[in-house]
Amino acid sequence: MFTRLLKSISLKAKDENIETDGIEQILFERSKRAKNINISVKPFKGVRVAVPCGVSFDKARQFAQSKRGWIRKHLDKMKRLEKEHNAFTKNYVEIDRAEAKKKLVDRLNELSGKHGFSYNKVSIRNQKTRWGSCSARNNISLNIKLVRLPGEVIDYVLLHELVHTRIKNHANGFWAELNRLDGDAKGMSKRLNKYKVFLL
């Protein structure tokens, strides 16, 4: 079934969607940025095959066919994440952006003052991949969804970014400093990972 349906794809140089056995849909998409055929599986988006310029859709189809076991495995994982996300968020109301920004910025200032940190600017964004970041110029970006996490987890993320204003990597020195401030940096990092479904 998988092979027969894959063969139905057109070889025209445009985006193609196909149905597959056990896989709801695969998007074959021409990409000017891709250097190699690349398969990604993302929650609520499904399977995407990036096809570089100069590579035929037929070759991309054959590559996807050879990776069908990998695709199914990661689709199962993504489906679980989608269910977890829906379970976590079903009772949440929409975030008040102004209120969330005030809460996060006020707490960031409290922690930076308490521990002697300084930063340049802070921005609050609705991000899909991370909870926070600190640029080379010490501009801190925080995910608005942080307000849905427990207070101690929020503090961990804020301290994580504040430490980055001094240490721009995740080497041992970084974790030693963060652990000095937080008390259980590695443990909090694992705890934060449990909330990654909020990022979807």
N, C-alpha and C. Protein backbone atom coordinates (compact mmCIF):
# COMPACT_ATOMS: atom_id res chain seq x y z
N MET A 1 0.84 -1.20 0.00
CA MET A 1 0.00 0.00 0.00
C MET A 1 0.87 1.24 0.00
N PHE A 2 1.87 1.25 0.89
CA PHE A 2 2.77 2.40 1.01
C PHE A 2 3.43 2.69 -0.32
N THR A 3 3.99 1.62 -0.96
CA THR A 3 4.70 1.78 -2.22
C THR A 3 3.76 2.25 -3.32
N ARG A 4 2.59 1.67 -3.41
CA ARG A 4 1.64 2.04 -4.46
C ARG A 4 1.23 3.49 -4.36
N LEU A 5 0.98 3.95 -3.14
CA LEU A 5 0.55 5.32 -2.96
C LEU A 5 1.69 6.30 -3.19
N LEU A 6 2.89 5.92 -2.78
CA LEU A 6 4.03 6.78 -3.03
C LEU A 6 4.25 6.97 -4.53
N LYS A 7 4.01 5.94 -5.32
CA LYS A 7 4.22 6.02 -6.75
C LYS A 7 3.22 6.95 -7.42
N SER A 8 2.17 7.30 -6.71
CA SER A 8 1.15 8.16 -7.30
C SER A 8 1.57 9.63 -7.31
N ILE A 9 2.67 9.93 -6.66
CA ILE A 9 3.09 11.32 -6.59
C ILE A 9 3.54 11.83 -7.96
N SER A 10 3.18 13.04 -8.26
CA SER A 10 3.61 13.65 -9.52
C SER A 10 5.07 14.05 -9.41
N LEU A 11 5.76 14.05 -10.54
CA LEU A 11 7.17 14.42 -10.53
C LEU A 11 7.36 15.89 -10.86
N LYS A 12 6.28 16.66 -10.90
CA LYS A 12 6.39 18.08 -11.18
C LYS A 12 7.12 18.78 -10.05
N ALA A 13 7.82 19.86 -10.37
CA ALA A 13 8.61 20.58 -9.37
C ALA A 13 7.73 21.52 -8.58
N LYS A 14 6.82 20.97 -7.82
CA LYS A 14 5.96 21.76 -6.95
C LYS A 14 5.65 20.94 -5.71
N ASP A 15 4.99 21.56 -4.74
CA ASP A 15 4.67 20.85 -3.51
C ASP A 15 3.63 19.77 -3.80
N GLU A 16 3.79 18.64 -3.12
CA GLU A 16 2.87 17.52 -3.32
C GLU A 16 2.47 16.93 -1.97
N ASN A 17 1.20 16.59 -1.83
CA ASN A 17 0.71 15.87 -0.65
C ASN A 17 0.25 14.49 -1.08
N ILE A 18 0.61 13.47 -0.33
CA ILE A 18 0.13 12.13 -0.63
C ILE A 18 -0.33 11.44 0.64
N GLU A 19 -1.28 10.54 0.47
CA GLU A 19 -1.75 9.70 1.57
C GLU A 19 -0.92 8.43 1.56
N THR A 20 -0.63 7.87 2.72
CA THR A 20 0.17 6.66 2.80
C THR A 20 -0.44 5.68 3.77
N ASP A 21 -0.07 4.44 3.65
CA ASP A 21 -0.57 3.39 4.53
C ASP A 21 0.02 3.57 5.92
N GLY A 22 -0.84 3.89 6.88
CA GLY A 22 -0.38 4.08 8.25
C GLY A 22 0.14 5.48 8.52
N ILE A 23 0.25 6.28 7.47
CA ILE A 23 0.71 7.66 7.61
C ILE A 23 -0.32 8.54 6.92
N GLU A 24 -0.90 9.44 7.67
CA GLU A 24 -2.03 10.21 7.15
C GLU A 24 -1.65 11.01 5.90
N GLN A 25 -0.51 11.69 5.94
CA GLN A 25 -0.15 12.53 4.82
C GLN A 25 1.32 12.91 4.89
N ILE A 26 1.96 12.99 3.73
CA ILE A 26 3.33 13.46 3.65
C ILE A 26 3.36 14.64 2.69
N LEU A 27 3.96 15.73 3.11
CA LEU A 27 4.13 16.89 2.25
C LEU A 27 5.54 16.86 1.66
N PHE A 28 5.63 16.77 0.34
CA PHE A 28 6.90 16.88 -0.36
C PHE A 28 7.00 18.33 -0.83
N GLU A 29 7.98 19.05 -0.32
CA GLU A 29 8.06 20.48 -0.56
C GLU A 29 9.43 20.88 -1.12
N ARG A 30 9.41 21.59 -2.22
CA ARG A 30 10.65 22.09 -2.80
C ARG A 30 11.27 23.12 -1.87
N SER A 31 12.58 22.97 -1.59
CA SER A 31 13.26 23.87 -0.66
C SER A 31 14.56 24.39 -1.28
N LYS A 32 14.69 25.72 -1.31
CA LYS A 32 15.92 26.33 -1.82
C LYS A 32 17.03 26.28 -0.78
N ARG A 33 16.66 26.08 0.48
CA ARG A 33 17.65 26.09 1.56
C ARG A 33 18.24 24.71 1.81
N ALA A 34 17.47 23.67 1.53
CA ALA A 34 17.93 22.31 1.82
C ALA A 34 19.07 21.90 0.89
N LYS A 35 20.09 21.28 1.46
CA LYS A 35 21.19 20.75 0.67
C LYS A 35 21.01 19.26 0.41
N ASN A 36 20.28 18.61 1.29
CA ASN A 36 19.99 17.18 1.15
C ASN A 36 18.50 16.95 1.39
N ILE A 37 17.99 15.82 0.95
CA ILE A 37 16.60 15.47 1.24
C ILE A 37 16.46 15.34 2.75
N ASN A 38 15.50 16.03 3.32
CA ASN A 38 15.35 16.04 4.77
C ASN A 38 13.91 15.75 5.15
N ILE A 39 13.73 14.84 6.10
CA ILE A 39 12.39 14.50 6.58
C ILE A 39 12.22 15.04 8.00
N SER A 40 11.13 15.75 8.24
CA SER A 40 10.82 16.24 9.58
C SER A 40 9.40 15.83 9.95
N VAL A 41 9.21 15.55 11.23
CA VAL A 41 7.90 15.19 11.75
C VAL A 41 7.62 16.10 12.93
N LYS A 42 6.58 16.93 12.81
CA LYS A 42 6.30 17.92 13.84
C LYS A 42 4.84 17.81 14.30
N PRO A 43 4.61 18.03 15.60
CA PRO A 43 3.24 17.97 16.13
C PRO A 43 2.32 18.95 15.41
N PHE A 44 1.13 18.50 15.12
CA PHE A 44 0.08 19.29 14.48
C PHE A 44 0.43 19.72 13.06
N LYS A 45 1.57 19.30 12.55
CA LYS A 45 1.97 19.63 11.19
C LYS A 45 2.19 18.40 10.33
N GLY A 46 2.54 17.30 10.96
CA GLY A 46 2.72 16.06 10.24
C GLY A 46 4.11 15.89 9.65
N VAL A 47 4.17 15.18 8.54
CA VAL A 47 5.45 14.80 7.93
C VAL A 47 5.75 15.72 6.75
N ARG A 48 6.95 16.25 6.72
CA ARG A 48 7.39 17.10 5.62
C ARG A 48 8.72 16.58 5.08
N VAL A 49 8.80 16.49 3.76
CA VAL A 49 10.05 16.10 3.11
C VAL A 49 10.53 17.31 2.32
N ALA A 50 11.66 17.87 2.72
CA ALA A 50 12.25 19.01 2.02
C ALA A 50 13.07 18.48 0.86
N VAL A 51 12.73 18.92 -0.34
CA VAL A 51 13.39 18.44 -1.55
C VAL A 51 14.27 19.54 -2.13
N PRO A 52 15.59 19.35 -2.12
CA PRO A 52 16.50 20.39 -2.64
C PRO A 52 16.29 20.63 -4.14
N CYS A 53 16.66 21.81 -4.59
CA CYS A 53 16.61 22.10 -6.02
C CYS A 53 17.60 21.17 -6.72
N GLY A 54 17.19 20.62 -7.84
CA GLY A 54 18.05 19.71 -8.56
C GLY A 54 17.82 18.26 -8.21
N VAL A 55 17.01 18.00 -7.18
CA VAL A 55 16.66 16.63 -6.79
C VAL A 55 15.22 16.39 -7.19
N SER A 56 14.97 15.31 -7.88
CA SER A 56 13.62 15.02 -8.36
C SER A 56 12.70 14.58 -7.21
N PHE A 57 11.41 14.82 -7.41
CA PHE A 57 10.43 14.36 -6.44
C PHE A 57 10.40 12.84 -6.40
N ASP A 58 10.73 12.21 -7.50
CA ASP A 58 10.76 10.75 -7.55
C ASP A 58 11.84 10.21 -6.60
N LYS A 59 13.01 10.86 -6.63
CA LYS A 59 14.09 10.44 -5.73
C LYS A 59 13.69 10.69 -4.28
N ALA A 60 13.03 11.81 -4.03
CA ALA A 60 12.57 12.13 -2.67
C ALA A 60 11.54 11.11 -2.21
N ARG A 61 10.66 10.69 -3.14
CA ARG A 61 9.66 9.67 -2.82
C ARG A 61 10.32 8.35 -2.44
N GLN A 62 11.34 7.97 -3.18
CA GLN A 62 12.06 6.73 -2.89
C GLN A 62 12.77 6.82 -1.53
N PHE A 63 13.31 7.99 -1.24
CA PHE A 63 13.98 8.18 0.04
C PHE A 63 12.99 8.06 1.19
N ALA A 64 11.82 8.68 1.04
CA ALA A 64 10.78 8.60 2.07
C ALA A 64 10.33 7.16 2.26
N GLN A 65 10.22 6.44 1.17
CA GLN A 65 9.81 5.03 1.26
C GLN A 65 10.83 4.23 2.07
N SER A 66 12.11 4.52 1.88
CA SER A 66 13.15 3.79 2.61
C SER A 66 13.16 4.13 4.10
N LYS A 67 12.55 5.26 4.45
CA LYS A 67 12.52 5.72 5.84
C LYS A 67 11.15 5.57 6.48
N ARG A 68 10.28 4.77 5.88
CA ARG A 68 8.91 4.70 6.38
C ARG A 68 8.84 4.18 7.82
N GLY A 69 9.75 3.30 8.22
CA GLY A 69 9.76 2.83 9.60
C GLY A 69 10.09 3.96 10.56
N TRP A 70 11.08 4.75 10.19
CA TRP A 70 11.47 5.92 11.01
C TRP A 70 10.32 6.92 11.09
N ILE A 71 9.65 7.12 9.95
CA ILE A 71 8.54 8.08 9.92
C ILE A 71 7.42 7.63 10.85
N ARG A 72 7.05 6.36 10.77
CA ARG A 72 5.97 5.85 11.62
C ARG A 72 6.33 5.97 13.10
N LYS A 73 7.58 5.66 13.43
CA LYS A 73 8.03 5.73 14.82
C LYS A 73 7.90 7.15 15.35
N HIS A 74 8.35 8.13 14.56
CA HIS A 74 8.29 9.51 15.02
C HIS A 74 6.87 10.09 14.96
N LEU A 75 6.05 9.58 14.06
CA LEU A 75 4.65 9.99 14.05
C LEU A 75 3.94 9.55 15.32
N ASP A 76 4.23 8.34 15.77
CA ASP A 76 3.64 7.84 17.02
C ASP A 76 4.04 8.73 18.18
N LYS A 77 5.31 9.12 18.20
CA LYS A 77 5.81 10.01 19.26
C LYS A 77 5.10 11.35 19.20
N MET A 78 4.94 11.90 18.00
CA MET A 78 4.29 13.20 17.85
C MET A 78 2.82 13.13 18.25
N LYS A 79 2.16 12.02 17.94
CA LYS A 79 0.76 11.87 18.33
C LYS A 79 0.61 11.88 19.85
N ARG A 80 1.58 11.24 20.52
CA ARG A 80 1.54 11.24 21.99
C ARG A 80 1.73 12.66 22.52
N LEU A 81 2.65 13.40 21.91
CA LEU A 81 2.87 14.78 22.34
C LEU A 81 1.64 15.65 22.11
N GLU A 82 0.96 15.42 21.01
CA GLU A 82 -0.26 16.17 20.72
C GLU A 82 -1.33 15.90 21.79
N LYS A 83 -1.46 14.62 22.17
CA LYS A 83 -2.45 14.26 23.19
C LYS A 83 -2.08 14.89 24.54
N GLU A 84 -0.77 14.85 24.88
CA GLU A 84 -0.33 15.44 26.13
C GLU A 84 -0.58 16.95 26.12
N HIS A 85 -0.28 17.58 24.99
CA HIS A 85 -0.50 19.02 24.87
C HIS A 85 -1.97 19.36 25.07
N ASN A 86 -2.84 18.62 24.43
CA ASN A 86 -4.27 18.88 24.54
C ASN A 86 -4.76 18.66 25.96
N ALA A 87 -4.22 17.63 26.62
CA ALA A 87 -4.62 17.35 28.00
C ALA A 87 -4.15 18.44 28.95
N PHE A 88 -2.92 18.94 28.72
CA PHE A 88 -2.36 19.98 29.57
C PHE A 88 -3.09 21.31 29.40
N THR A 89 -3.50 21.61 28.19
CA THR A 89 -3.98 22.97 27.90
C THR A 89 -5.49 23.10 27.81
N LYS A 90 -6.23 22.01 27.94
CA LYS A 90 -7.68 22.08 27.72
C LYS A 90 -8.39 23.01 28.70
N ASN A 91 -7.84 23.18 29.90
CA ASN A 91 -8.49 24.02 30.89
C ASN A 91 -7.88 25.41 31.01
N TYR A 92 -6.91 25.71 30.16
CA TYR A 92 -6.26 27.01 30.23
C TYR A 92 -7.01 28.06 29.42
N VAL A 93 -7.13 29.24 30.00
CA VAL A 93 -7.72 30.35 29.27
C VAL A 93 -6.60 31.08 28.53
N GLU A 94 -6.97 31.94 27.62
CA GLU A 94 -5.99 32.67 26.83
C GLU A 94 -5.14 33.55 27.74
N ILE A 95 -3.86 33.61 27.45
CA ILE A 95 -2.93 34.39 28.27
C ILE A 95 -3.14 35.88 28.02
N ASP A 96 -3.23 36.65 29.09
CA ASP A 96 -3.28 38.11 29.01
C ASP A 96 -1.85 38.59 28.80
N ARG A 97 -1.53 39.08 27.62
CA ARG A 97 -0.16 39.42 27.28
C ARG A 97 0.43 40.50 28.19
N ALA A 98 -0.35 41.54 28.45
CA ALA A 98 0.15 42.63 29.29
C ALA A 98 0.44 42.14 30.71
N GLU A 99 -0.47 41.34 31.24
CA GLU A 99 -0.30 40.81 32.59
C GLU A 99 0.89 39.86 32.66
N ALA A 100 1.03 39.02 31.62
CA ALA A 100 2.14 38.07 31.58
C ALA A 100 3.48 38.80 31.49
N LYS A 101 3.54 39.82 30.67
CA LYS A 101 4.78 40.58 30.51
C LYS A 101 5.19 41.23 31.82
N LYS A 102 4.22 41.82 32.51
CA LYS A 102 4.52 42.47 33.78
C LYS A 102 5.04 41.46 34.80
N LYS A 103 4.39 40.32 34.87
CA LYS A 103 4.79 39.29 35.83
C LYS A 103 6.22 38.81 35.56
N LEU A 104 6.52 38.52 34.30
CA LEU A 104 7.84 37.99 33.97
C LEU A 104 8.94 39.04 34.10
N VAL A 105 8.67 40.23 33.64
CA VAL A 105 9.68 41.30 33.72
C VAL A 105 9.94 41.69 35.17
N ASP A 106 8.88 41.80 35.96
CA ASP A 106 9.05 42.15 37.38
C ASP A 106 9.90 41.10 38.09
N ARG A 107 9.62 39.84 37.82
CA ARG A 107 10.38 38.77 38.49
C ARG A 107 11.81 38.73 37.98
N LEU A 108 12.02 38.97 36.70
CA LEU A 108 13.38 39.01 36.15
C LEU A 108 14.18 40.11 36.83
N ASN A 109 13.55 41.26 37.04
CA ASN A 109 14.24 42.37 37.70
C ASN A 109 14.53 42.07 39.17
N GLU A 110 13.62 41.38 39.82
CA GLU A 110 13.84 40.99 41.22
C GLU A 110 15.06 40.07 41.33
N LEU A 111 15.12 39.07 40.46
CA LEU A 111 16.22 38.11 40.51
C LEU A 111 17.55 38.73 40.07
N SER A 112 17.51 39.60 39.07
CA SER A 112 18.75 40.24 38.62
C SER A 112 19.29 41.17 39.70
N GLY A 113 18.39 41.87 40.39
CA GLY A 113 18.83 42.75 41.47
C GLY A 113 19.36 41.97 42.66
N LYS A 114 18.69 40.89 42.99
CA LYS A 114 19.08 40.06 44.14
C LYS A 114 20.46 39.44 43.95
N HIS A 115 20.75 39.02 42.72
CA HIS A 115 22.00 38.29 42.46
C HIS A 115 23.05 39.12 41.72
N GLY A 116 22.77 40.40 41.51
CA GLY A 116 23.77 41.27 40.91
C GLY A 116 23.97 41.11 39.42
N PHE A 117 22.93 40.73 38.71
CA PHE A 117 23.02 40.61 37.25
C PHE A 117 22.51 41.89 36.60
N SER A 118 22.92 42.09 35.36
CA SER A 118 22.36 43.17 34.55
C SER A 118 22.17 42.67 33.13
N TYR A 119 21.15 43.18 32.48
CA TYR A 119 20.90 42.80 31.10
C TYR A 119 20.53 44.06 30.32
N ASN A 120 20.48 43.94 29.02
CA ASN A 120 20.22 45.10 28.17
C ASN A 120 18.72 45.33 27.99
N LYS A 121 18.08 44.46 27.23
CA LYS A 121 16.65 44.56 26.97
C LYS A 121 15.98 43.22 27.25
N VAL A 122 14.66 43.27 27.43
CA VAL A 122 13.90 42.04 27.59
C VAL A 122 12.68 42.11 26.67
N SER A 123 12.39 41.00 26.01
CA SER A 123 11.20 40.92 25.15
C SER A 123 10.42 39.66 25.52
N ILE A 124 9.12 39.75 25.39
CA ILE A 124 8.24 38.63 25.70
C ILE A 124 7.60 38.18 24.39
N ARG A 125 7.79 36.92 24.01
CA ARG A 125 7.31 36.42 22.74
C ARG A 125 6.57 35.09 22.90
N ASN A 126 5.75 34.79 21.93
CA ASN A 126 5.07 33.50 21.89
C ASN A 126 5.91 32.58 21.02
N GLN A 127 6.82 31.83 21.63
CA GLN A 127 7.77 31.01 20.90
C GLN A 127 7.34 29.55 20.86
N LYS A 128 7.83 28.84 19.83
CA LYS A 128 7.44 27.46 19.62
C LYS A 128 8.54 26.46 19.99
N THR A 129 9.76 26.95 20.21
CA THR A 129 10.87 26.00 20.38
C THR A 129 11.62 26.14 21.70
N ARG A 130 11.55 27.29 22.35
CA ARG A 130 12.30 27.44 23.60
C ARG A 130 11.62 28.37 24.57
N TRP A 131 12.05 28.25 25.83
CA TRP A 131 11.47 29.05 26.90
C TRP A 131 12.12 30.41 27.03
N GLY A 132 13.37 30.51 26.66
CA GLY A 132 14.06 31.78 26.77
C GLY A 132 15.39 31.75 26.05
N SER A 133 15.98 32.93 25.88
CA SER A 133 17.29 33.02 25.25
C SER A 133 17.95 34.32 25.67
N CYS A 134 19.27 34.35 25.53
CA CYS A 134 20.05 35.55 25.85
C CYS A 134 21.03 35.78 24.72
N SER A 135 20.99 36.94 24.11
CA SER A 135 21.85 37.23 22.96
C SER A 135 23.25 37.64 23.40
N ALA A 136 24.13 37.79 22.43
CA ALA A 136 25.50 38.23 22.71
C ALA A 136 25.52 39.62 23.33
N ARG A 137 24.49 40.41 23.07
CA ARG A 137 24.39 41.76 23.63
C ARG A 137 23.58 41.80 24.92
N ASN A 138 23.34 40.62 25.47
CA ASN A 138 22.60 40.49 26.73
C ASN A 138 21.14 40.97 26.63
N ASN A 139 20.56 40.76 25.46
CA ASN A 139 19.13 40.97 25.31
C ASN A 139 18.43 39.64 25.62
N ILE A 140 17.54 39.67 26.57
CA ILE A 140 16.86 38.46 27.01
C ILE A 140 15.48 38.37 26.38
N SER A 141 15.17 37.20 25.85
CA SER A 141 13.85 36.93 25.28
C SER A 141 13.20 35.83 26.10
N LEU A 142 11.95 36.04 26.49
CA LEU A 142 11.23 35.07 27.31
C LEU A 142 9.93 34.65 26.62
N ASN A 143 9.61 33.40 26.78
CA ASN A 143 8.39 32.86 26.19
C ASN A 143 7.19 33.23 27.07
N ILE A 144 6.17 33.78 26.45
CA ILE A 144 4.99 34.21 27.20
C ILE A 144 4.32 33.03 27.93
N LYS A 145 4.51 31.81 27.40
CA LYS A 145 3.89 30.64 28.01
C LYS A 145 4.51 30.27 29.36
N LEU A 146 5.62 30.92 29.71
CA LEU A 146 6.23 30.67 31.02
C LEU A 146 5.25 30.91 32.16
N VAL A 147 4.32 31.84 31.97
CA VAL A 147 3.40 32.17 33.06
C VAL A 147 2.50 31.00 33.43
N ARG A 148 2.46 29.97 32.59
CA ARG A 148 1.64 28.80 32.90
C ARG A 148 2.40 27.77 33.73
N LEU A 149 3.67 28.01 33.97
CA LEU A 149 4.49 27.05 34.71
C LEU A 149 4.53 27.43 36.19
N PRO A 150 4.89 26.46 37.05
CA PRO A 150 5.04 26.76 38.48
C PRO A 150 6.11 27.83 38.71
N GLY A 151 5.96 28.58 39.79
CA GLY A 151 6.87 29.69 40.08
C GLY A 151 8.34 29.32 40.12
N GLU A 152 8.66 28.18 40.74
CA GLU A 152 10.06 27.78 40.86
C GLU A 152 10.66 27.41 39.50
N VAL A 153 9.80 26.93 38.59
CA VAL A 153 10.28 26.60 37.25
C VAL A 153 10.51 27.89 36.45
N ILE A 154 9.62 28.86 36.63
CA ILE A 154 9.82 30.17 36.00
C ILE A 154 11.14 30.77 36.46
N ASP A 155 11.39 30.72 37.77
CA ASP A 155 12.63 31.28 38.33
C ASP A 155 13.85 30.60 37.73
N TYR A 156 13.76 29.29 37.54
CA TYR A 156 14.88 28.56 36.97
C TYR A 156 15.20 29.09 35.57
N VAL A 157 14.17 29.28 34.74
CA VAL A 157 14.38 29.77 33.38
C VAL A 157 14.97 31.18 33.41
N LEU A 158 14.45 32.03 34.27
CA LEU A 158 14.95 33.40 34.37
C LEU A 158 16.41 33.43 34.81
N LEU A 159 16.73 32.63 35.82
CA LEU A 159 18.12 32.55 36.28
C LEU A 159 19.03 31.97 35.20
N HIS A 160 18.52 31.01 34.47
CA HIS A 160 19.27 30.40 33.37
C HIS A 160 19.72 31.49 32.38
N GLU A 161 18.78 32.34 32.00
CA GLU A 161 19.11 33.40 31.04
C GLU A 161 19.98 34.49 31.65
N LEU A 162 19.78 34.78 32.92
CA LEU A 162 20.63 35.78 33.58
C LEU A 162 22.08 35.30 33.68
N VAL A 163 22.27 34.03 33.97
CA VAL A 163 23.63 33.49 34.02
C VAL A 163 24.29 33.59 32.64
N HIS A 164 23.49 33.49 31.60
CA HIS A 164 24.03 33.61 30.24
C HIS A 164 24.53 35.03 29.95
N THR A 165 24.13 36.01 30.74
CA THR A 165 24.68 37.35 30.53
C THR A 165 26.16 37.39 30.89
N ARG A 166 26.61 36.40 31.64
CA ARG A 166 28.02 36.32 32.03
C ARG A 166 28.74 35.15 31.35
N ILE A 167 28.02 34.06 31.18
CA ILE A 167 28.64 32.86 30.59
C ILE A 167 27.81 32.46 29.38
N LYS A 168 28.40 32.55 28.20
CA LYS A 168 27.65 32.38 26.95
C LYS A 168 27.63 30.93 26.44
N ASN A 169 27.82 29.98 27.29
CA ASN A 169 27.80 28.58 26.86
C ASN A 169 27.17 27.72 27.95
N HIS A 170 27.15 26.43 27.74
CA HIS A 170 26.61 25.50 28.72
C HIS A 170 27.70 24.57 29.25
N ALA A 171 28.90 25.10 29.37
CA ALA A 171 30.01 24.33 29.92
C ALA A 171 29.83 24.16 31.43
N ASN A 172 30.76 23.46 32.07
CA ASN A 172 30.64 23.17 33.50
C ASN A 172 30.54 24.43 34.35
N GLY A 173 31.25 25.48 33.94
CA GLY A 173 31.20 26.72 34.70
C GLY A 173 29.82 27.32 34.74
N PHE A 174 29.11 27.21 33.63
CA PHE A 174 27.73 27.73 33.57
C PHE A 174 26.85 26.98 34.57
N TRP A 175 26.90 25.64 34.52
CA TRP A 175 26.03 24.85 35.40
C TRP A 175 26.42 25.02 36.87
N ALA A 176 27.69 25.22 37.14
CA ALA A 176 28.12 25.44 38.51
C ALA A 176 27.54 26.74 39.06
N GLU A 177 27.57 27.79 38.23
CA GLU A 177 27.01 29.08 38.65
C GLU A 177 25.50 29.01 38.80
N LEU A 178 24.84 28.37 37.85
CA LEU A 178 23.39 28.25 37.94
C LEU A 178 22.98 27.40 39.13
N ASN A 179 23.74 26.37 39.40
CA ASN A 179 23.45 25.50 40.54
C ASN A 179 23.65 26.24 41.86
N ARG A 180 24.62 27.13 41.88
CA ARG A 180 24.87 27.93 43.08
C ARG A 180 23.65 28.82 43.39
N LEU A 181 23.00 29.30 42.36
CA LEU A 181 21.86 30.19 42.53
C LEU A 181 20.55 29.43 42.73
N ASP A 182 20.40 28.34 42.01
CA ASP A 182 19.14 27.60 42.01
C ASP A 182 19.13 26.46 43.01
N GLY A 183 20.27 25.82 43.22
CA GLY A 183 20.36 24.71 44.17
C GLY A 183 20.25 23.34 43.53
N ASP A 184 19.51 23.24 42.42
CA ASP A 184 19.34 21.95 41.75
C ASP A 184 19.11 22.20 40.26
N ALA A 185 20.10 22.79 39.61
CA ALA A 185 19.94 23.20 38.22
C ALA A 185 19.63 22.05 37.29
N LYS A 186 20.35 20.96 37.41
CA LYS A 186 20.11 19.81 36.54
C LYS A 186 18.73 19.21 36.77
N GLY A 187 18.34 19.15 38.03
CA GLY A 187 17.02 18.61 38.36
C GLY A 187 15.91 19.49 37.80
N MET A 188 16.09 20.81 37.89
CA MET A 188 15.10 21.73 37.36
C MET A 188 15.05 21.69 35.85
N SER A 189 16.21 21.45 35.24
CA SER A 189 16.26 21.33 33.78
C SER A 189 15.41 20.14 33.32
N LYS A 190 15.51 19.02 34.03
CA LYS A 190 14.71 17.84 33.71
C LYS A 190 13.23 18.11 33.96
N ARG A 191 12.94 18.83 35.02
CA ARG A 191 11.55 19.15 35.34
C ARG A 191 10.96 20.04 34.25
N LEU A 192 11.74 21.03 33.81
CA LEU A 192 11.28 21.92 32.75
C LEU A 192 10.96 21.15 31.47
N ASN A 193 11.76 20.13 31.21
CA ASN A 193 11.58 19.33 30.00
C ASN A 193 10.21 18.66 29.95
N LYS A 194 9.63 18.42 31.13
CA LYS A 194 8.31 17.78 31.19
C LYS A 194 7.22 18.71 30.67
N TYR A 195 7.51 20.01 30.64
CA TYR A 195 6.51 20.98 30.20
C TYR A 195 6.68 21.37 28.73
N LYS A 196 7.52 20.66 28.01
CA LYS A 196 7.80 21.03 26.62
C LYS A 196 6.55 20.95 25.74
N VAL A 197 5.55 20.17 26.20
CA VAL A 197 4.31 20.08 25.40
C VAL A 197 3.60 21.43 25.33
N PHE A 198 3.88 22.33 26.26
CA PHE A 198 3.29 23.67 26.22
C PHE A 198 3.78 24.46 25.01
N LEU A 199 4.95 24.08 24.50
CA LEU A 199 5.55 24.83 23.40
C LEU A 199 4.90 24.54 22.06
N LEU A 200 4.13 23.47 21.97
CA LEU A 200 3.57 23.07 20.69
C LEU A 200 2.58 24.09 20.16
